[in-house]
Amino acid sequence: MNNTKKIILEKALELFSTKGYDATTVREIAKEVGITQSSLYKHYKSKEDIFISIFNEMKSRYDEESSKDSIHITNDSLSDGTHFSAMNRETIADSVINLINYSIDDEFVSRTRKLITIEQFRNKEISKLYTQRYVDRMVDYHKALFSIFKEKGLFFAPDIDSAALQYTAPIFTLLGIIDRESDKREECINRLRKHVTSFIEFYSNGRL
């Protein structure tokens, strides 16, 4: 991504976060960047294109960070299943918490997540984007991951779909609390660790 495209995304994110997606115009974004509206269209074809690019940039940052050794979540369920099946539940919890802390501390990722959370109730297309690329993606990933664990004899949930929802829902909830009440971060991180370790201990019969 060239520097101008990056600046457009950053300025658009600032405006979307303060004014809202629908209330922000392409002209305003161009003005903040310091270019003409026609110049902006050379980089992005529409406001929706800018928004989707912001979302994709967030995903790209997530993927880059989560591939690090301290997290090692590659979104390849087969690879991750093999990796995590050799770990204990405390180490798995460390990986989850490291990713959550990153999603809170990285300003671009944090602002994008909060923006999408708010705008999903105002814009149908954003609502679909949030569900498909954020919620469904996370649930589907864990369904695949737990299936790998089950094949290895390490996971004993009778219904994988329900287990994936049971696992991911508290993560969304606790992250939302931190976004709204930052003073509760430590408390929520501790609750998150307890959730991850208890869930794994229960469904692995103590094998992880």
Protein backbone atom coordinates (compact mmCIF):
# COMPACT_ATOMS: atom_id res chain seq x y z
CA MET A 1 0.00 0.00 0.00
CA ASN A 2 1.46 3.37 -1.01
CA ASN A 3 1.68 6.24 1.45
CA THR A 4 -1.26 8.23 0.03
CA LYS A 5 -3.60 5.23 0.22
CA LYS A 6 -2.51 4.66 3.82
CA ILE A 7 -3.12 8.30 4.78
CA ILE A 8 -6.57 8.20 3.16
CA LEU A 9 -7.50 5.19 5.29
CA GLU A 10 -6.20 6.80 8.48
CA LYS A 11 -8.00 10.11 7.87
CA ALA A 12 -11.19 8.33 6.83
CA LEU A 13 -11.08 6.23 9.99
CA GLU A 14 -10.73 9.40 12.09
CA LEU A 15 -13.74 10.99 10.38
CA PHE A 16 -15.87 7.84 10.48
CA SER A 17 -15.08 7.48 14.19
CA THR A 18 -16.06 11.06 15.06
CA LYS A 19 -18.88 11.84 12.59
CA GLY A 20 -20.13 8.39 11.69
CA TYR A 21 -19.88 6.59 8.36
CA ASP A 22 -23.07 7.94 6.78
CA ALA A 23 -22.38 11.55 7.82
CA THR A 24 -18.87 11.58 6.35
CA THR A 25 -18.41 12.54 2.68
CA VAL A 26 -15.62 11.67 0.28
CA ARG A 27 -15.02 15.41 -0.14
CA GLU A 28 -14.34 15.73 3.59
CA ILE A 29 -11.92 12.81 3.54
CA ALA A 30 -10.05 14.32 0.59
CA LYS A 31 -9.85 17.68 2.38
CA GLU A 32 -8.36 16.04 5.49
CA VAL A 33 -5.79 14.23 3.36
CA GLY A 34 -4.94 17.44 1.49
CA ILE A 35 -5.87 16.21 -1.99
CA THR A 36 -8.74 16.84 -4.39
CA GLN A 37 -11.77 14.59 -4.49
CA SER A 38 -10.87 13.48 -8.02
CA SER A 39 -7.38 12.54 -6.82
CA LEU A 40 -8.86 10.44 -4.04
CA TYR A 41 -10.94 8.49 -6.58
CA LYS A 42 -7.69 7.41 -8.24
CA HIS A 43 -6.98 5.40 -5.09
CA TYR A 44 -10.47 4.33 -3.97
CA LYS A 45 -13.56 4.17 -6.14
CA SER A 46 -16.09 5.01 -3.40
CA LYS A 47 -16.63 5.63 0.30
CA GLU A 48 -17.67 2.01 0.67
CA ASP A 49 -14.42 0.95 -0.96
CA ILE A 50 -12.53 3.02 1.62
CA PHE A 51 -14.47 1.43 4.47
CA ILE A 52 -13.88 -2.12 3.20
CA SER A 53 -10.20 -1.28 2.77
CA ILE A 54 -10.08 -0.13 6.40
CA PHE A 55 -11.61 -3.43 7.44
CA ASN A 56 -9.16 -5.38 5.28
CA GLU A 57 -6.26 -3.41 6.74
CA MET A 58 -7.45 -4.34 10.23
CA LYS A 59 -7.60 -8.00 9.19
CA SER A 60 -4.13 -7.78 7.65
CA ARG A 61 -2.73 -6.34 10.88
CA TYR A 62 -4.47 -9.04 12.92
CA ASP A 63 -3.06 -11.75 10.67
CA GLU A 64 0.46 -10.36 10.83
CA GLU A 65 0.41 -10.03 14.61
CA SER A 66 -1.30 -13.37 15.25
CA SER A 67 1.30 -15.26 13.20
CA LYS A 68 4.01 -14.27 15.70
CA ASP A 69 5.38 -16.95 18.02
CA SER A 70 3.76 -15.32 21.07
CA ILE A 71 0.32 -15.94 19.56
CA HIS A 72 0.66 -18.37 16.62
CA ILE A 73 -2.86 -18.19 15.25
CA THR A 74 -2.45 -18.56 11.50
CA ASN A 75 -6.14 -19.05 10.63
CA ASP A 76 -5.11 -22.38 9.12
CA SER A 77 -7.09 -24.68 11.41
CA LEU A 78 -5.05 -27.76 10.48
CA SER A 79 -1.73 -26.07 11.25
CA ASP A 80 -3.06 -24.39 14.38
CA GLY A 81 -4.76 -27.59 15.55
CA THR A 82 -1.43 -29.43 15.38
CA HIS A 83 0.35 -26.56 17.11
CA PHE A 84 -2.14 -26.05 19.95
CA SER A 85 -2.72 -29.76 20.57
CA ALA A 86 0.88 -29.95 21.78
CA MET A 87 0.32 -27.14 24.32
CA ASN A 88 -1.37 -26.96 27.71
CA ARG A 89 -4.43 -24.83 28.42
CA GLU A 90 -2.46 -22.08 30.21
CA THR A 91 -0.18 -21.60 27.20
CA ILE A 92 -3.18 -21.54 24.87
CA ALA A 93 -4.76 -18.89 27.12
CA ASP A 94 -1.54 -16.85 26.88
CA SER A 95 -1.85 -16.85 23.08
CA VAL A 96 -5.48 -15.73 23.21
CA ILE A 97 -4.73 -12.96 25.71
CA ASN A 98 -1.75 -11.73 23.69
CA LEU A 99 -4.02 -11.33 20.65
CA ILE A 100 -6.73 -9.59 22.68
CA ASN A 101 -4.18 -7.18 24.16
CA TYR A 102 -2.94 -6.39 20.67
CA SER A 103 -6.47 -5.71 19.45
CA ILE A 104 -6.89 -3.23 22.30
CA ASP A 105 -3.49 -1.54 22.12
CA ASP A 106 -3.14 -1.12 18.34
CA GLU A 107 -4.93 2.18 17.70
CA PHE A 108 -5.92 1.43 14.10
CA VAL A 109 -7.31 -2.01 14.96
CA SER A 110 -9.07 -0.78 18.09
CA ARG A 111 -10.72 2.21 16.38
CA THR A 112 -11.82 0.09 13.44
CA ARG A 113 -13.36 -2.56 15.67
CA LYS A 114 -15.24 0.05 17.72
CA LEU A 115 -16.39 1.82 14.55
CA ILE A 116 -17.78 -1.37 13.02
CA THR A 117 -19.45 -2.31 16.30
CA ILE A 118 -21.33 1.01 16.34
CA GLU A 119 -22.04 1.35 12.61
CA GLN A 120 -23.50 -2.17 12.29
CA PHE A 121 -26.73 -0.79 13.77
CA ARG A 122 -26.90 2.11 11.30
CA ASN A 123 -25.88 0.53 8.03
CA LYS A 124 -27.07 -2.82 6.64
CA GLU A 125 -23.98 -3.40 4.52
CA ILE A 126 -21.68 -2.78 7.46
CA SER A 127 -23.84 -5.08 9.56
CA LYS A 128 -23.38 -7.87 7.01
CA LEU A 129 -19.65 -7.17 6.84
CA TYR A 130 -19.37 -7.34 10.63
CA THR A 131 -21.23 -10.65 10.80
CA GLN A 132 -19.52 -12.34 7.85
CA ARG A 133 -15.94 -11.23 8.32
CA TYR A 134 -15.73 -10.81 12.08
CA VAL A 135 -18.26 -12.98 13.92
CA ASP A 136 -18.76 -15.83 11.44
CA ARG A 137 -15.05 -15.97 10.64
CA MET A 138 -14.12 -16.38 14.30
CA VAL A 139 -16.82 -18.98 14.98
CA ASP A 140 -16.02 -20.98 11.83
CA TYR A 141 -12.30 -20.95 12.65
CA HIS A 142 -12.94 -22.41 16.11
CA LYS A 143 -15.36 -24.99 14.74
CA ALA A 144 -12.60 -26.21 12.45
CA LEU A 145 -10.00 -26.03 15.23
CA PHE A 146 -12.14 -28.00 17.69
CA SER A 147 -12.83 -30.59 14.98
CA ILE A 148 -9.07 -31.12 14.65
CA PHE A 149 -8.80 -31.52 18.43
CA LYS A 150 -11.66 -34.03 18.33
CA GLU A 151 -9.97 -36.08 15.61
CA LYS A 152 -6.86 -36.21 17.81
CA GLY A 153 -8.88 -37.48 20.76
CA LEU A 154 -8.40 -34.26 22.72
CA PHE A 155 -11.87 -32.70 22.56
CA PHE A 156 -15.13 -34.28 23.65
CA ALA A 157 -17.90 -31.75 23.00
CA PRO A 158 -21.00 -33.53 21.65
CA ASP A 159 -21.77 -30.63 19.30
CA ILE A 160 -18.91 -28.66 17.73
CA ASP A 161 -21.14 -25.79 16.53
CA SER A 162 -22.49 -25.16 20.02
CA ALA A 163 -19.01 -25.45 21.54
CA ALA A 164 -17.62 -22.83 19.14
CA LEU A 165 -20.41 -20.40 20.07
CA GLN A 166 -19.97 -21.16 23.75
CA TYR A 167 -16.25 -20.42 23.47
CA THR A 168 -16.35 -17.26 21.35
CA ALA A 169 -19.35 -15.44 22.87
CA PRO A 170 -17.63 -14.57 26.18
CA ILE A 171 -14.58 -13.31 24.27
CA PHE A 172 -16.75 -10.84 22.30
CA THR A 173 -18.52 -9.87 25.53
CA LEU A 174 -15.37 -9.23 27.56
CA LEU A 175 -13.70 -7.32 24.73
CA GLY A 176 -16.80 -5.14 24.49
CA ILE A 177 -16.65 -4.39 28.22
CA ILE A 178 -13.00 -3.34 27.91
CA ASP A 179 -13.87 -1.06 24.97
CA ARG A 180 -16.61 0.64 27.01
CA GLU A 181 -14.91 0.62 30.43
CA SER A 182 -11.14 0.60 30.08
CA ASP A 183 -10.65 0.58 33.86
CA LYS A 184 -12.02 -2.98 33.88
CA ARG A 185 -9.35 -4.27 31.51
CA GLU A 186 -7.35 -6.24 34.08
CA GLU A 187 -10.50 -7.78 35.54
CA CYS A 188 -11.76 -8.79 32.09
CA ILE A 189 -8.40 -10.24 31.05
CA ASN A 190 -8.39 -12.37 34.22
CA ARG A 191 -11.93 -13.53 33.48
CA LEU A 192 -10.90 -14.28 29.91
CA ARG A 193 -8.03 -16.47 31.10
CA LYS A 194 -10.37 -18.32 33.43
CA HIS A 195 -12.89 -18.81 30.63
CA VAL A 196 -10.32 -20.20 28.17
CA THR A 197 -8.66 -22.55 30.66
CA SER A 198 -11.96 -23.78 32.14
CA PHE A 199 -13.47 -24.37 28.70
CA ILE A 200 -10.45 -26.33 27.49
CA GLU A 201 -10.16 -28.32 30.71
CA PHE A 202 -13.84 -29.26 30.57
CA TYR A 203 -14.03 -30.29 26.92
CA SER A 204 -10.61 -31.95 26.80
CA ASN A 205 -11.25 -33.90 30.01
CA GLY A 206 -8.03 -32.40 31.33
CA ARG A 207 -5.93 -33.63 28.40
CA LEU A 208 -4.93 -30.12 27.34
